[in-house]
Amino acid sequence: MSSSNALIIFTRNPELGKGKRRLAATVGDEAAFEIYKFLLHHTREITKTVNAQPQVWYSEKVHENDDWDNNRYKKFQQQGQDLGIRMQHAFETAFQSHDKVIIIGSDMHDLTTEDLNRAFELLDTKDAVIGPAIDGGYYLLGFKNKVPDNVFSNKVWGTETVLEETLKDLKTINYTMLEPRNDVDFYEDIKDVPAFQPFLKHIHA
């Protein structure tokens, strides 16, 4: 594990009827809840051996005795009124003790440990790394030493303009882009993915 690297994982406290609302609109609350727990498990699997100090940032409150191993993960509570303020605060906290910091969410099924390690390696020679999501947002964002100005401000979070607006903020620094990936927000994102079929048996196209 590299002490110079920190991996921020933003997660929502798992609760039936909360989170994955756009997905739940099609598959129902129960299935959306099970899918989210499945995605959390996948996120733990790919981050527990990452070449970084992994940090879990909970949306509401820190859970000390949950499935995130206290011996491996540092635990924090997100702070701020919107997603941008929350991410800015998390980065600033991580940069107090790490040189390279990357943030991911917890709803990326097609992300691997190797992807994360490679992103940290890219920060050896780049100031920033960004993983564009197919829906117009991003699934990964990382910086070396500091966060550029305005990168977390003046964004309409959860819309297809986030990536485009963020890239404008990065144009004055040396950044690199990863390959586009699909995060899980809607039924269409998972309806043809084999790993999700056990959760979709009750749905008939």
N, C-alpha and C. Protein backbone atom coordinates (compact mmCIF):
# COMPACT_ATOMS: atom_id res chain seq x y z
N MET A 1 0.84 -1.20 0.00
CA MET A 1 0.00 0.00 0.00
C MET A 1 0.87 1.24 0.00
N SER A 2 0.52 2.19 -0.83
CA SER A 2 1.29 3.43 -0.89
C SER A 2 0.67 4.48 0.02
N SER A 3 1.47 4.99 0.95
CA SER A 3 0.95 6.00 1.86
C SER A 3 0.75 7.34 1.16
N SER A 4 1.36 7.51 -0.03
CA SER A 4 1.19 8.78 -0.73
C SER A 4 -0.14 8.83 -1.49
N ASN A 5 -0.81 7.69 -1.63
CA ASN A 5 -2.07 7.62 -2.37
C ASN A 5 -3.26 7.49 -1.42
N ALA A 6 -4.32 8.23 -1.70
CA ALA A 6 -5.58 8.07 -0.97
C ALA A 6 -6.70 7.86 -1.97
N LEU A 7 -7.56 6.88 -1.69
CA LEU A 7 -8.73 6.62 -2.52
C LEU A 7 -9.99 6.95 -1.72
N ILE A 8 -10.69 7.99 -2.14
CA ILE A 8 -11.95 8.39 -1.51
C ILE A 8 -13.09 7.61 -2.16
N ILE A 9 -13.89 6.95 -1.34
CA ILE A 9 -15.05 6.22 -1.84
C ILE A 9 -16.29 6.90 -1.26
N PHE A 10 -17.08 7.53 -2.13
CA PHE A 10 -18.32 8.16 -1.67
C PHE A 10 -19.43 7.10 -1.69
N THR A 11 -20.09 6.96 -0.57
CA THR A 11 -21.13 5.94 -0.48
C THR A 11 -22.33 6.50 0.27
N ARG A 12 -23.49 5.99 -0.09
CA ARG A 12 -24.71 6.36 0.61
C ARG A 12 -25.00 5.27 1.64
N ASN A 13 -25.36 5.67 2.85
CA ASN A 13 -25.72 4.68 3.85
C ASN A 13 -26.86 3.82 3.31
N PRO A 14 -26.66 2.50 3.19
CA PRO A 14 -27.67 1.65 2.55
C PRO A 14 -28.94 1.57 3.39
N GLU A 15 -30.05 1.95 2.78
CA GLU A 15 -31.32 1.95 3.49
C GLU A 15 -32.43 1.74 2.47
N LEU A 16 -33.33 0.84 2.79
CA LEU A 16 -34.43 0.53 1.87
C LEU A 16 -35.25 1.78 1.60
N GLY A 17 -35.49 2.05 0.31
CA GLY A 17 -36.29 3.21 -0.05
C GLY A 17 -35.50 4.49 -0.24
N LYS A 18 -34.18 4.41 0.04
CA LYS A 18 -33.31 5.58 -0.16
C LYS A 18 -32.24 5.20 -1.19
N GLY A 19 -31.83 6.14 -1.99
CA GLY A 19 -30.76 5.87 -2.94
C GLY A 19 -31.26 5.09 -4.15
N LYS A 20 -30.54 5.22 -5.25
CA LYS A 20 -30.88 4.53 -6.50
C LYS A 20 -32.34 4.76 -6.86
N ARG A 21 -32.81 6.01 -6.70
CA ARG A 21 -34.22 6.29 -6.94
C ARG A 21 -34.60 6.12 -8.41
N ARG A 22 -33.71 6.49 -9.30
CA ARG A 22 -34.04 6.37 -10.73
C ARG A 22 -34.12 4.90 -11.14
N LEU A 23 -33.28 4.09 -10.54
CA LEU A 23 -33.35 2.66 -10.79
C LEU A 23 -34.60 2.05 -10.16
N ALA A 24 -34.89 2.47 -8.93
CA ALA A 24 -36.04 1.93 -8.21
C ALA A 24 -37.36 2.23 -8.92
N ALA A 25 -37.40 3.31 -9.69
CA ALA A 25 -38.62 3.65 -10.41
C ALA A 25 -39.06 2.53 -11.34
N THR A 26 -38.09 1.75 -11.82
CA THR A 26 -38.40 0.64 -12.72
C THR A 26 -38.39 -0.71 -12.00
N VAL A 27 -37.39 -0.95 -11.17
CA VAL A 27 -37.23 -2.30 -10.60
C VAL A 27 -37.87 -2.43 -9.22
N GLY A 28 -38.27 -1.32 -8.60
CA GLY A 28 -38.86 -1.36 -7.27
C GLY A 28 -37.82 -1.16 -6.18
N ASP A 29 -38.30 -0.77 -4.99
CA ASP A 29 -37.39 -0.46 -3.88
C ASP A 29 -36.57 -1.66 -3.43
N GLU A 30 -37.20 -2.82 -3.31
CA GLU A 30 -36.49 -4.00 -2.81
C GLU A 30 -35.33 -4.37 -3.72
N ALA A 31 -35.60 -4.46 -5.01
CA ALA A 31 -34.55 -4.84 -5.96
C ALA A 31 -33.46 -3.78 -6.02
N ALA A 32 -33.84 -2.51 -5.99
CA ALA A 32 -32.84 -1.43 -6.03
C ALA A 32 -31.93 -1.50 -4.82
N PHE A 33 -32.51 -1.83 -3.67
CA PHE A 33 -31.73 -1.95 -2.43
C PHE A 33 -30.75 -3.11 -2.53
N GLU A 34 -31.21 -4.26 -3.03
CA GLU A 34 -30.33 -5.42 -3.19
C GLU A 34 -29.22 -5.14 -4.20
N ILE A 35 -29.56 -4.45 -5.28
CA ILE A 35 -28.56 -4.10 -6.29
C ILE A 35 -27.51 -3.18 -5.69
N TYR A 36 -27.95 -2.22 -4.88
CA TYR A 36 -26.99 -1.29 -4.28
C TYR A 36 -26.05 -2.03 -3.33
N LYS A 37 -26.58 -2.96 -2.55
CA LYS A 37 -25.72 -3.74 -1.65
C LYS A 37 -24.73 -4.59 -2.45
N PHE A 38 -25.19 -5.12 -3.58
CA PHE A 38 -24.31 -5.88 -4.47
C PHE A 38 -23.19 -4.99 -5.00
N LEU A 39 -23.52 -3.75 -5.38
CA LEU A 39 -22.51 -2.81 -5.87
C LEU A 39 -21.53 -2.41 -4.77
N LEU A 40 -22.04 -2.25 -3.55
CA LEU A 40 -21.15 -1.95 -2.42
C LEU A 40 -20.16 -3.09 -2.19
N HIS A 41 -20.65 -4.31 -2.29
CA HIS A 41 -19.77 -5.48 -2.12
C HIS A 41 -18.68 -5.47 -3.20
N HIS A 42 -19.07 -5.19 -4.44
CA HIS A 42 -18.09 -5.13 -5.52
C HIS A 42 -17.06 -4.03 -5.25
N THR A 43 -17.53 -2.88 -4.77
CA THR A 43 -16.61 -1.77 -4.49
C THR A 43 -15.61 -2.15 -3.40
N ARG A 44 -16.08 -2.87 -2.38
CA ARG A 44 -15.15 -3.34 -1.34
C ARG A 44 -14.13 -4.31 -1.92
N GLU A 45 -14.58 -5.20 -2.80
CA GLU A 45 -13.67 -6.20 -3.37
C GLU A 45 -12.56 -5.55 -4.19
N ILE A 46 -12.88 -4.49 -4.93
CA ILE A 46 -11.86 -3.88 -5.81
C ILE A 46 -11.00 -2.86 -5.08
N THR A 47 -11.41 -2.42 -3.88
CA THR A 47 -10.65 -1.38 -3.19
C THR A 47 -9.82 -1.90 -2.02
N LYS A 48 -10.11 -3.10 -1.54
CA LYS A 48 -9.42 -3.55 -0.33
C LYS A 48 -7.94 -3.84 -0.58
N THR A 49 -7.57 -4.12 -1.83
CA THR A 49 -6.15 -4.37 -2.13
C THR A 49 -5.54 -3.27 -3.00
N VAL A 50 -6.23 -2.16 -3.16
CA VAL A 50 -5.71 -1.09 -4.00
C VAL A 50 -4.43 -0.51 -3.40
N ASN A 51 -3.58 0.00 -4.26
CA ASN A 51 -2.30 0.58 -3.84
C ASN A 51 -2.53 2.01 -3.34
N ALA A 52 -3.27 2.11 -2.24
CA ALA A 52 -3.65 3.42 -1.68
C ALA A 52 -4.28 3.19 -0.32
N GLN A 53 -4.44 4.27 0.43
CA GLN A 53 -5.22 4.22 1.66
C GLN A 53 -6.69 4.47 1.29
N PRO A 54 -7.53 3.44 1.37
CA PRO A 54 -8.94 3.67 1.01
C PRO A 54 -9.71 4.33 2.15
N GLN A 55 -10.55 5.27 1.77
CA GLN A 55 -11.36 6.02 2.73
C GLN A 55 -12.82 5.92 2.32
N VAL A 56 -13.66 5.50 3.26
CA VAL A 56 -15.10 5.47 3.00
C VAL A 56 -15.72 6.74 3.57
N TRP A 57 -16.41 7.47 2.71
CA TRP A 57 -17.09 8.70 3.12
C TRP A 57 -18.59 8.44 3.05
N TYR A 58 -19.22 8.36 4.21
CA TYR A 58 -20.64 8.02 4.29
C TYR A 58 -21.50 9.26 4.09
N SER A 59 -22.66 9.08 3.48
CA SER A 59 -23.53 10.22 3.18
C SER A 59 -24.15 10.81 4.44
N GLU A 60 -24.44 9.97 5.44
CA GLU A 60 -25.17 10.47 6.60
C GLU A 60 -24.42 10.28 7.91
N LYS A 61 -24.00 9.07 8.19
CA LYS A 61 -23.26 8.86 9.44
C LYS A 61 -22.29 7.70 9.25
N VAL A 62 -21.21 7.73 10.01
CA VAL A 62 -20.19 6.69 9.94
C VAL A 62 -20.70 5.43 10.64
N HIS A 63 -20.54 4.31 9.98
CA HIS A 63 -20.88 3.02 10.57
C HIS A 63 -19.58 2.30 10.94
N GLU A 64 -19.30 2.19 12.21
CA GLU A 64 -18.05 1.57 12.65
C GLU A 64 -18.07 0.05 12.48
N ASN A 65 -19.23 -0.55 12.68
CA ASN A 65 -19.31 -2.02 12.66
C ASN A 65 -20.14 -2.50 11.47
N ASP A 66 -19.62 -2.21 10.28
CA ASP A 66 -20.29 -2.68 9.08
C ASP A 66 -19.33 -3.52 8.26
N ASP A 67 -19.64 -3.70 6.97
CA ASP A 67 -18.83 -4.59 6.14
C ASP A 67 -17.53 -3.96 5.65
N TRP A 68 -17.34 -2.67 5.89
CA TRP A 68 -16.07 -2.03 5.55
C TRP A 68 -15.11 -2.25 6.72
N ASP A 69 -14.05 -2.99 6.49
CA ASP A 69 -13.12 -3.39 7.54
C ASP A 69 -12.40 -2.18 8.15
N ASN A 70 -12.59 -1.99 9.45
CA ASN A 70 -11.97 -0.84 10.13
C ASN A 70 -10.45 -0.88 10.06
N ASN A 71 -9.87 -2.05 9.92
CA ASN A 71 -8.41 -2.16 9.85
C ASN A 71 -7.86 -1.74 8.49
N ARG A 72 -8.73 -1.66 7.51
CA ARG A 72 -8.28 -1.33 6.16
C ARG A 72 -8.78 0.05 5.71
N TYR A 73 -10.01 0.36 6.07
CA TYR A 73 -10.63 1.60 5.58
C TYR A 73 -10.68 2.66 6.66
N LYS A 74 -10.27 3.87 6.30
CA LYS A 74 -10.55 5.01 7.17
C LYS A 74 -11.97 5.47 6.89
N LYS A 75 -12.66 5.95 7.92
CA LYS A 75 -14.08 6.27 7.77
C LYS A 75 -14.35 7.73 8.14
N PHE A 76 -15.15 8.37 7.29
CA PHE A 76 -15.49 9.78 7.46
C PHE A 76 -16.96 9.99 7.12
N GLN A 77 -17.48 11.12 7.54
CA GLN A 77 -18.82 11.53 7.14
C GLN A 77 -18.70 12.69 6.17
N GLN A 78 -19.48 12.62 5.08
CA GLN A 78 -19.47 13.71 4.10
C GLN A 78 -20.00 14.98 4.76
N GLN A 79 -19.42 16.12 4.35
CA GLN A 79 -19.80 17.41 4.91
C GLN A 79 -20.16 18.38 3.80
N GLY A 80 -21.32 19.01 3.91
CA GLY A 80 -21.67 20.05 2.94
C GLY A 80 -23.05 19.86 2.37
N GLN A 81 -23.57 20.94 1.79
CA GLN A 81 -24.96 20.95 1.31
C GLN A 81 -25.13 20.30 -0.05
N ASP A 82 -24.12 20.38 -0.91
CA ASP A 82 -24.28 19.71 -2.20
C ASP A 82 -23.05 18.84 -2.48
N LEU A 83 -23.16 18.07 -3.54
CA LEU A 83 -22.12 17.08 -3.85
C LEU A 83 -20.77 17.73 -4.06
N GLY A 84 -20.75 18.89 -4.71
CA GLY A 84 -19.48 19.56 -4.96
C GLY A 84 -18.77 19.95 -3.68
N ILE A 85 -19.52 20.53 -2.74
CA ILE A 85 -18.93 20.93 -1.46
C ILE A 85 -18.43 19.70 -0.71
N ARG A 86 -19.18 18.62 -0.78
CA ARG A 86 -18.80 17.38 -0.10
C ARG A 86 -17.51 16.80 -0.68
N MET A 87 -17.40 16.82 -2.00
CA MET A 87 -16.18 16.30 -2.63
C MET A 87 -14.99 17.19 -2.34
N GLN A 88 -15.19 18.50 -2.41
CA GLN A 88 -14.10 19.44 -2.11
C GLN A 88 -13.56 19.20 -0.70
N HIS A 89 -14.46 19.05 0.26
CA HIS A 89 -14.05 18.82 1.64
C HIS A 89 -13.27 17.51 1.78
N ALA A 90 -13.74 16.47 1.11
CA ALA A 90 -13.07 15.16 1.19
C ALA A 90 -11.66 15.24 0.61
N PHE A 91 -11.52 15.90 -0.54
CA PHE A 91 -10.20 16.05 -1.15
C PHE A 91 -9.26 16.85 -0.24
N GLU A 92 -9.75 17.95 0.29
CA GLU A 92 -8.91 18.77 1.16
C GLU A 92 -8.45 17.99 2.38
N THR A 93 -9.34 17.17 2.92
CA THR A 93 -8.99 16.34 4.07
C THR A 93 -7.92 15.32 3.69
N ALA A 94 -8.10 14.66 2.56
CA ALA A 94 -7.15 13.63 2.13
C ALA A 94 -5.79 14.24 1.79
N PHE A 95 -5.79 15.42 1.21
CA PHE A 95 -4.52 16.05 0.81
C PHE A 95 -3.69 16.48 2.03
N GLN A 96 -4.28 16.51 3.20
CA GLN A 96 -3.50 16.84 4.39
C GLN A 96 -2.44 15.77 4.69
N SER A 97 -2.66 14.55 4.20
CA SER A 97 -1.71 13.48 4.50
C SER A 97 -1.34 12.62 3.30
N HIS A 98 -1.80 12.98 2.11
CA HIS A 98 -1.49 12.20 0.90
C HIS A 98 -1.19 13.14 -0.26
N ASP A 99 -0.38 12.67 -1.20
CA ASP A 99 0.01 13.48 -2.36
C ASP A 99 -0.92 13.30 -3.55
N LYS A 100 -1.41 12.08 -3.73
CA LYS A 100 -2.28 11.78 -4.87
C LYS A 100 -3.61 11.27 -4.33
N VAL A 101 -4.70 11.89 -4.78
CA VAL A 101 -6.02 11.56 -4.24
C VAL A 101 -6.98 11.33 -5.40
N ILE A 102 -7.70 10.22 -5.33
CA ILE A 102 -8.70 9.87 -6.34
C ILE A 102 -10.03 9.62 -5.64
N ILE A 103 -11.12 10.04 -6.28
CA ILE A 103 -12.45 9.78 -5.75
C ILE A 103 -13.24 8.91 -6.73
N ILE A 104 -13.99 7.97 -6.16
CA ILE A 104 -14.94 7.17 -6.94
C ILE A 104 -16.25 7.10 -6.16
N GLY A 105 -17.30 6.70 -6.84
CA GLY A 105 -18.54 6.38 -6.16
C GLY A 105 -18.57 4.91 -5.82
N SER A 106 -19.76 4.40 -5.52
CA SER A 106 -19.85 2.98 -5.17
C SER A 106 -20.88 2.28 -6.05
N ASP A 107 -21.02 2.75 -7.30
CA ASP A 107 -21.99 2.12 -8.20
C ASP A 107 -21.38 1.78 -9.56
N MET A 108 -20.10 1.41 -9.54
CA MET A 108 -19.41 1.05 -10.78
C MET A 108 -19.12 -0.44 -10.79
N HIS A 109 -19.91 -1.18 -11.56
CA HIS A 109 -19.68 -2.62 -11.59
C HIS A 109 -18.51 -3.00 -12.50
N ASP A 110 -18.25 -2.20 -13.55
CA ASP A 110 -17.17 -2.56 -14.47
C ASP A 110 -15.88 -1.78 -14.20
N LEU A 111 -15.57 -1.65 -12.90
CA LEU A 111 -14.31 -1.03 -12.48
C LEU A 111 -13.52 -2.08 -11.71
N THR A 112 -12.19 -2.11 -11.91
CA THR A 112 -11.34 -3.13 -11.28
C THR A 112 -10.24 -2.49 -10.44
N THR A 113 -9.61 -3.30 -9.61
CA THR A 113 -8.46 -2.84 -8.84
C THR A 113 -7.37 -2.32 -9.77
N GLU A 114 -7.18 -3.04 -10.88
CA GLU A 114 -6.14 -2.64 -11.85
C GLU A 114 -6.42 -1.26 -12.42
N ASP A 115 -7.70 -0.98 -12.69
CA ASP A 115 -8.07 0.36 -13.19
C ASP A 115 -7.66 1.44 -12.19
N LEU A 116 -7.94 1.18 -10.92
CA LEU A 116 -7.63 2.16 -9.88
C LEU A 116 -6.12 2.36 -9.73
N ASN A 117 -5.39 1.26 -9.69
CA ASN A 117 -3.93 1.37 -9.56
C ASN A 117 -3.33 2.12 -10.75
N ARG A 118 -3.87 1.85 -11.94
CA ARG A 118 -3.37 2.53 -13.13
C ARG A 118 -3.65 4.03 -13.05
N ALA A 119 -4.80 4.40 -12.52
CA ALA A 119 -5.13 5.82 -12.40
C ALA A 119 -4.14 6.53 -11.47
N PHE A 120 -3.78 5.86 -10.37
CA PHE A 120 -2.78 6.45 -9.48
C PHE A 120 -1.42 6.57 -10.17
N GLU A 121 -1.06 5.57 -10.97
CA GLU A 121 0.21 5.62 -11.69
C GLU A 121 0.24 6.78 -12.68
N LEU A 122 -0.90 7.05 -13.31
CA LEU A 122 -0.97 8.15 -14.27
C LEU A 122 -0.69 9.49 -13.59
N LEU A 123 -1.03 9.58 -12.31
CA LEU A 123 -0.79 10.83 -11.58
C LEU A 123 0.69 11.04 -11.26
N ASP A 124 1.53 10.06 -11.55
CA ASP A 124 2.98 10.29 -11.44
C ASP A 124 3.44 11.34 -12.44
N THR A 125 2.78 11.34 -13.61
CA THR A 125 3.20 12.25 -14.68
C THR A 125 2.13 13.26 -15.07
N LYS A 126 0.94 13.14 -14.53
CA LYS A 126 -0.15 14.06 -14.84
C LYS A 126 -0.63 14.76 -13.57
N ASP A 127 -1.25 15.92 -13.74
CA ASP A 127 -1.81 16.65 -12.61
C ASP A 127 -3.20 16.15 -12.23
N ALA A 128 -3.89 15.56 -13.21
CA ALA A 128 -5.26 15.11 -12.96
C ALA A 128 -5.58 13.92 -13.85
N VAL A 129 -6.51 13.10 -13.39
CA VAL A 129 -7.02 11.98 -14.18
C VAL A 129 -8.53 11.96 -14.01
N ILE A 130 -9.23 11.70 -15.11
CA ILE A 130 -10.69 11.69 -15.05
C ILE A 130 -11.22 10.51 -15.86
N GLY A 131 -12.20 9.83 -15.30
CA GLY A 131 -12.86 8.72 -15.98
C GLY A 131 -14.25 9.14 -16.40
N PRO A 132 -14.48 9.37 -17.68
CA PRO A 132 -15.78 9.86 -18.12
C PRO A 132 -16.85 8.77 -18.07
N ALA A 133 -18.01 9.12 -17.55
CA ALA A 133 -19.14 8.20 -17.55
C ALA A 133 -19.95 8.41 -18.82
N ILE A 134 -20.55 7.35 -19.30
CA ILE A 134 -21.29 7.42 -20.57
C ILE A 134 -22.45 8.40 -20.49
N ASP A 135 -22.97 8.62 -19.28
CA ASP A 135 -24.13 9.49 -19.14
C ASP A 135 -23.79 10.98 -19.07
N GLY A 136 -22.51 11.31 -19.23
CA GLY A 136 -22.13 12.72 -19.22
C GLY A 136 -21.54 13.21 -17.92
N GLY A 137 -21.41 12.33 -16.95
CA GLY A 137 -20.73 12.66 -15.71
C GLY A 137 -19.35 12.04 -15.69
N TYR A 138 -18.84 11.73 -14.51
CA TYR A 138 -17.58 10.99 -14.43
C TYR A 138 -17.66 9.98 -13.30
N TYR A 139 -16.92 8.87 -13.48
CA TYR A 139 -16.93 7.80 -12.47
C TYR A 139 -15.67 7.82 -11.61
N LEU A 140 -14.69 8.60 -12.01
CA LEU A 140 -13.42 8.69 -11.27
C LEU A 140 -12.81 10.05 -11.54
N LEU A 141 -12.26 10.65 -10.49
CA LEU A 141 -11.57 11.92 -10.64
C LEU A 141 -10.42 11.94 -9.64
N GLY A 142 -9.23 12.31 -10.12
CA GLY A 142 -8.08 12.32 -9.23
C GLY A 142 -7.15 13.49 -9.52
N PHE A 143 -6.46 13.93 -8.46
CA PHE A 143 -5.53 15.05 -8.58
C PHE A 143 -4.25 14.75 -7.82
N LYS A 144 -3.20 15.45 -8.22
CA LYS A 144 -1.92 15.40 -7.51
C LYS A 144 -1.73 16.73 -6.78
N ASN A 145 -1.50 16.65 -5.50
CA ASN A 145 -1.13 17.78 -4.63
C ASN A 145 -2.25 18.76 -4.28
N LYS A 146 -3.14 19.06 -5.21
CA LYS A 146 -4.21 20.01 -4.88
C LYS A 146 -5.36 19.89 -5.87
N VAL A 147 -6.49 20.45 -5.48
CA VAL A 147 -7.66 20.50 -6.35
C VAL A 147 -7.63 21.81 -7.14
N PRO A 148 -7.78 21.75 -8.46
CA PRO A 148 -7.82 22.99 -9.24
C PRO A 148 -9.02 23.85 -8.84
N ASP A 149 -8.91 25.14 -9.06
CA ASP A 149 -10.00 26.06 -8.72
C ASP A 149 -11.28 25.70 -9.47
N ASN A 150 -12.39 25.83 -8.76
CA ASN A 150 -13.74 25.77 -9.35
C ASN A 150 -14.18 24.39 -9.85
N VAL A 151 -13.33 23.37 -9.68
CA VAL A 151 -13.69 22.08 -10.28
C VAL A 151 -14.94 21.48 -9.63
N PHE A 152 -15.23 21.87 -8.40
CA PHE A 152 -16.41 21.34 -7.72
C PHE A 152 -17.50 22.40 -7.52
N SER A 153 -17.35 23.53 -8.18
CA SER A 153 -18.37 24.58 -8.03
C SER A 153 -19.05 24.84 -9.37
N ASN A 154 -20.24 25.44 -9.31
CA ASN A 154 -21.00 25.82 -10.51
C ASN A 154 -21.30 24.63 -11.42
N LYS A 155 -21.66 23.51 -10.80
CA LYS A 155 -22.07 22.32 -11.56
C LYS A 155 -23.51 21.95 -11.19
N VAL A 156 -24.23 21.46 -12.18
CA VAL A 156 -25.56 20.91 -11.91
C VAL A 156 -25.37 19.41 -11.77
N TRP A 157 -25.16 18.94 -10.54
CA TRP A 157 -24.77 17.55 -10.30
C TRP A 157 -25.88 16.59 -10.74
N GLY A 158 -25.44 15.46 -11.29
CA GLY A 158 -26.39 14.45 -11.73
C GLY A 158 -26.94 14.69 -13.13
N THR A 159 -26.36 15.65 -13.85
CA THR A 159 -26.81 15.93 -15.21
C THR A 159 -25.71 15.61 -16.21
N GLU A 160 -26.10 15.65 -17.50
CA GLU A 160 -25.15 15.26 -18.55
C GLU A 160 -24.14 16.35 -18.86
N THR A 161 -24.20 17.50 -18.16
CA THR A 161 -23.25 18.59 -18.42
C THR A 161 -22.03 18.55 -17.51
N VAL A 162 -22.03 17.66 -16.53
CA VAL A 162 -20.98 17.69 -15.50
C VAL A 162 -19.60 17.44 -16.09
N LEU A 163 -19.47 16.42 -16.95
CA LEU A 163 -18.16 16.12 -17.53
C LEU A 163 -17.66 17.29 -18.37
N GLU A 164 -18.51 17.80 -19.24
CA GLU A 164 -18.12 18.90 -20.12
C GLU A 164 -17.66 20.12 -19.32
N GLU A 165 -18.42 20.47 -18.29
CA GLU A 165 -18.07 21.63 -17.47
C GLU A 165 -16.78 21.38 -16.68
N THR A 166 -16.59 20.15 -16.21
CA THR A 166 -15.37 19.83 -15.45
C THR A 166 -14.14 19.90 -16.34
N LEU A 167 -14.26 19.42 -17.57
CA LEU A 167 -13.11 19.45 -18.48
C LEU A 167 -12.71 20.90 -18.79
N LYS A 168 -13.66 21.82 -18.79
CA LYS A 168 -13.32 23.23 -18.98
C LYS A 168 -12.43 23.72 -17.83
N ASP A 169 -12.73 23.23 -16.62
CA ASP A 169 -11.95 23.64 -15.45
C ASP A 169 -10.55 23.03 -15.45
N LEU A 170 -10.36 21.95 -16.21
CA LEU A 170 -9.07 21.26 -16.23
C LEU A 170 -8.18 21.70 -17.39
N LYS A 171 -8.69 22.57 -18.25
CA LYS A 171 -7.97 22.83 -19.50
C LYS A 171 -6.62 23.51 -19.31
N THR A 172 -6.41 24.12 -18.15
CA THR A 172 -5.13 24.80 -17.92
C THR A 172 -4.10 23.89 -17.24
N ILE A 173 -4.49 22.65 -16.94
CA ILE A 173 -3.54 21.74 -16.29
C ILE A 173 -3.33 20.50 -17.15
N ASN A 174 -2.34 19.72 -16.78
CA ASN A 174 -1.97 18.53 -17.54
C ASN A 174 -2.79 17.34 -17.04
N TYR A 175 -3.87 17.02 -17.77
CA TYR A 175 -4.73 15.92 -17.32
C TYR A 175 -4.81 14.83 -18.38
N THR A 176 -5.26 13.66 -17.97
CA THR A 176 -5.47 12.56 -18.90
C THR A 176 -6.84 11.94 -18.63
N MET A 177 -7.42 11.35 -19.67
CA MET A 177 -8.74 10.73 -19.55
C MET A 177 -8.63 9.21 -19.66
N LEU A 178 -9.42 8.52 -18.85
CA LEU A 178 -9.54 7.08 -18.94
C LEU A 178 -10.62 6.74 -19.97
N GLU A 179 -10.83 5.45 -20.21
CA GLU A 179 -11.87 5.07 -21.15
C GLU A 179 -13.25 5.29 -20.52
N PRO A 180 -14.24 5.61 -21.34
CA PRO A 180 -15.60 5.81 -20.82
C PRO A 180 -16.14 4.52 -20.20
N ARG A 181 -16.89 4.68 -19.13
CA ARG A 181 -17.53 3.54 -18.46
C ARG A 181 -18.98 3.89 -18.14
N ASN A 182 -19.71 2.85 -17.81
CA ASN A 182 -21.13 3.02 -17.53
C ASN A 182 -21.39 2.83 -16.04
N ASP A 183 -21.90 3.87 -15.38
CA ASP A 183 -22.30 3.65 -13.98
C ASP A 183 -23.76 3.20 -13.95
N VAL A 184 -24.22 2.80 -12.79
CA VAL A 184 -25.54 2.19 -12.67
C VAL A 184 -26.51 3.21 -12.08
N ASP A 185 -27.35 3.76 -12.95
CA ASP A 185 -28.38 4.70 -12.49
C ASP A 185 -29.78 4.26 -12.90
N PHE A 186 -29.88 3.63 -14.08
CA PHE A 186 -31.18 3.28 -14.63
C PHE A 186 -31.25 1.78 -14.94
N TYR A 187 -32.45 1.29 -15.08
CA TYR A 187 -32.67 -0.11 -15.46
C TYR A 187 -31.92 -0.45 -16.74
N GLU A 188 -31.93 0.50 -17.69
CA GLU A 188 -31.27 0.24 -18.98
C GLU A 188 -29.77 0.00 -18.81
N ASP A 189 -29.20 0.50 -17.73
CA ASP A 189 -27.76 0.31 -17.50
C ASP A 189 -27.41 -1.13 -17.15
N ILE A 190 -28.39 -1.89 -16.65
CA ILE A 190 -28.08 -3.23 -16.14
C ILE A 190 -28.91 -4.34 -16.77
N LYS A 191 -29.91 -3.99 -17.58
CA LYS A 191 -30.87 -5.01 -18.01
C LYS A 191 -30.24 -6.12 -18.84
N ASP A 192 -29.11 -5.84 -19.49
CA ASP A 192 -28.45 -6.86 -20.32
C ASP A 192 -27.13 -7.35 -19.72
N VAL A 193 -26.86 -6.98 -18.46
CA VAL A 193 -25.61 -7.38 -17.81
C VAL A 193 -25.86 -8.65 -16.99
N PRO A 194 -25.16 -9.75 -17.29
CA PRO A 194 -25.45 -11.02 -16.61
C PRO A 194 -25.40 -10.95 -15.09
N ALA A 195 -24.46 -10.19 -14.53
CA ALA A 195 -24.31 -10.16 -13.07
C ALA A 195 -25.56 -9.65 -12.36
N PHE A 196 -26.37 -8.87 -13.07
CA PHE A 196 -27.54 -8.26 -12.42
C PHE A 196 -28.83 -9.06 -12.61
N GLN A 197 -28.76 -10.11 -13.43
CA GLN A 197 -29.99 -10.84 -13.74
C GLN A 197 -30.69 -11.42 -12.51
N PRO A 198 -29.95 -11.92 -11.50
CA PRO A 198 -30.65 -12.46 -10.30
C PRO A 198 -31.56 -11.44 -9.62
N PHE A 199 -31.26 -10.15 -9.80
CA PHE A 199 -32.04 -9.11 -9.14
C PHE A 199 -33.24 -8.66 -9.99
N LEU A 200 -33.30 -9.17 -11.21
CA LEU A 200 -34.29 -8.65 -12.17
C LEU A 200 -35.30 -9.71 -12.59
N LYS A 201 -35.36 -10.82 -11.86
CA LYS A 201 -36.24 -11.93 -12.26
C LYS A 201 -37.71 -11.53 -12.26
N HIS A 202 -38.04 -10.53 -11.44
CA HIS A 202 -39.44 -10.14 -11.32
C HIS A 202 -39.88 -9.18 -12.42
N ILE A 203 -38.93 -8.82 -13.27
CA ILE A 203 -39.26 -7.86 -14.34
C ILE A 203 -39.31 -8.60 -15.67
N HIS A 204 -40.34 -8.36 -16.41
CA HIS A 204 -40.47 -8.97 -17.74
C HIS A 204 -40.52 -7.85 -18.77
N ALA A 205 -39.54 -7.88 -19.66
CA ALA A 205 -39.44 -6.81 -20.64
C ALA A 205 -40.66 -6.83 -21.57
